[in-house]
Amino acid sequence: MIIVVNGSEREVPAGATVAGVVAALLENADGRGVAVAVGGEVVPRGDWIQTRLAEGAKVEVVSAVQEG
């Protein structure tokens, strides 16, 4: 199925979850410093593994950057 992640279409398997998308995008898949919204609604990190994505879902993944 096709979803939109940060403005770009991505093909993911049917039944894909927020956790799976984050793991595919980021090396640090434990979720620290990462926020995710689906359809404009923030998904709490504890819900990522159970939040399934639908065809055409619009997902925004934002990662904090630390400078020092």
C-alpha atoms as a PDB file:
ATOM      1  CA  MET A   1       0.000   0.000   0.000  1.00  0.00           C
ATOM      2  CA  ILE A   2       1.075   3.607  -0.481  1.00  0.00           C
ATOM      3  CA  ILE A   3       1.348   6.140   2.351  1.00  0.00           C
ATOM      4  CA  VAL A   4       2.844   9.635   2.432  1.00  0.00           C
ATOM      5  CA  VAL A   5       5.763  10.121   4.836  1.00  0.00           C
ATOM      6  CA  ASN A   6       7.084  13.657   5.288  1.00  0.00           C
ATOM      7  CA  GLY A   7       5.579  14.622   1.934  1.00  0.00           C
ATOM      8  CA  SER A   8       6.948  11.669  -0.079  1.00  0.00           C
ATOM      9  CA  GLU A   9       5.055   8.589  -1.141  1.00  0.00           C
ATOM     10  CA  ARG A  10       6.341   5.297   0.272  1.00  0.00           C
ATOM     11  CA  GLU A  11       5.231   1.772  -0.326  1.00  0.00           C
ATOM     12  CA  VAL A  12       4.723  -0.225   2.861  1.00  0.00           C
ATOM     13  CA  PRO A  13       3.196  -3.642   3.496  1.00  0.00           C
ATOM     14  CA  ALA A  14      -0.486  -3.872   4.343  1.00  0.00           C
ATOM     15  CA  GLY A  15      -0.909  -3.665   8.106  1.00  0.00           C
ATOM     16  CA  ALA A  16       2.189  -1.483   8.548  1.00  0.00           C
ATOM     17  CA  THR A  17       2.435   0.293  11.890  1.00  0.00           C
ATOM     18  CA  VAL A  18       3.886   3.617  12.971  1.00  0.00           C
ATOM     19  CA  ALA A  19       6.667   1.682  14.740  1.00  0.00           C
ATOM     20  CA  GLY A  20       7.575  -0.094  11.509  1.00  0.00           C
ATOM     21  CA  VAL A  21       7.741   3.141   9.545  1.00  0.00           C
ATOM     22  CA  VAL A  22       9.925   4.797  12.194  1.00  0.00           C
ATOM     23  CA  ALA A  23      12.255   1.780  12.243  1.00  0.00           C
ATOM     24  CA  ALA A  24      12.569   1.904   8.447  1.00  0.00           C
ATOM     25  CA  LEU A  25      13.336   5.640   8.455  1.00  0.00           C
ATOM     26  CA  LEU A  26      15.638   6.056  11.429  1.00  0.00           C
ATOM     27  CA  GLU A  27      18.640   4.257  12.836  1.00  0.00           C
ATOM     28  CA  ASN A  28      17.521   5.197  16.359  1.00  0.00           C
ATOM     29  CA  ALA A  29      14.234   3.298  16.190  1.00  0.00           C
ATOM     30  CA  ASP A  30      13.668   3.300  19.957  1.00  0.00           C
ATOM     31  CA  GLY A  31      11.777   6.554  19.494  1.00  0.00           C
ATOM     32  CA  ARG A  32      13.923   8.842  21.606  1.00  0.00           C
ATOM     33  CA  GLY A  33      13.822  12.365  20.249  1.00  0.00           C
ATOM     34  CA  VAL A  34      11.212  11.420  17.642  1.00  0.00           C
ATOM     35  CA  ALA A  35       7.645  12.642  17.266  1.00  0.00           C
ATOM     36  CA  VAL A  36       5.087  11.178  14.876  1.00  0.00           C
ATOM     37  CA  ALA A  37       1.763  12.509  13.647  1.00  0.00           C
ATOM     38  CA  VAL A  38      -0.714  10.636  11.479  1.00  0.00           C
ATOM     39  CA  GLY A  39      -3.303  12.767   9.741  1.00  0.00           C
ATOM     40  CA  GLY A  40      -2.182  15.754  11.804  1.00  0.00           C
ATOM     41  CA  GLU A  41      -2.724  13.989  15.149  1.00  0.00           C
ATOM     42  CA  VAL A  42       0.294  13.209  17.343  1.00  0.00           C
ATOM     43  CA  VAL A  43       0.641   9.496  18.105  1.00  0.00           C
ATOM     44  CA  PRO A  44       2.100   8.832  21.585  1.00  0.00           C
ATOM     45  CA  ARG A  45       5.244   6.669  21.408  1.00  0.00           C
ATOM     46  CA  GLY A  46       3.576   3.963  23.510  1.00  0.00           C
ATOM     47  CA  ASP A  47       0.927   3.581  20.788  1.00  0.00           C
ATOM     48  CA  TRP A  48       3.282   3.281  17.796  1.00  0.00           C
ATOM     49  CA  ILE A  49       3.415  -0.504  17.745  1.00  0.00           C
ATOM     50  CA  GLN A  50      -0.377  -0.856  17.715  1.00  0.00           C
ATOM     51  CA  THR A  51      -1.188   2.082  15.426  1.00  0.00           C
ATOM     52  CA  ARG A  52      -1.805   0.600  11.984  1.00  0.00           C
ATOM     53  CA  LEU A  53      -1.651   2.794   8.923  1.00  0.00           C
ATOM     54  CA  ALA A  54      -4.278   2.907   6.189  1.00  0.00           C
ATOM     55  CA  GLU A  55      -3.776   3.347   2.463  1.00  0.00           C
ATOM     56  CA  GLY A  56      -2.984   7.012   1.761  1.00  0.00           C
ATOM     57  CA  ALA A  57      -2.175   7.859   5.400  1.00  0.00           C
ATOM     58  CA  LYS A  58      -0.231  11.087   5.820  1.00  0.00           C
ATOM     59  CA  VAL A  59       2.572  10.523   8.328  1.00  0.00           C
ATOM     60  CA  GLU A  60       4.973  13.148   9.645  1.00  0.00           C
ATOM     61  CA  VAL A  61       8.106  11.942  11.439  1.00  0.00           C
ATOM     62  CA  VAL A  62      10.184  14.606  13.168  1.00  0.00           C
ATOM     63  CA  SER A  63      13.529  13.928  14.808  1.00  0.00           C
ATOM     64  CA  ALA A  64      15.151  16.268  17.329  1.00  0.00           C
ATOM     65  CA  VAL A  65      18.668  17.400  16.495  1.00  0.00           C
ATOM     66  CA  GLN A  66      21.140  18.209  19.243  1.00  0.00           C
ATOM     67  CA  GLU A  67      23.933  20.628  18.511  1.00  0.00           C
ATOM     68  CA  GLY A  68      26.766  21.233  20.827  1.00  0.00           C
END
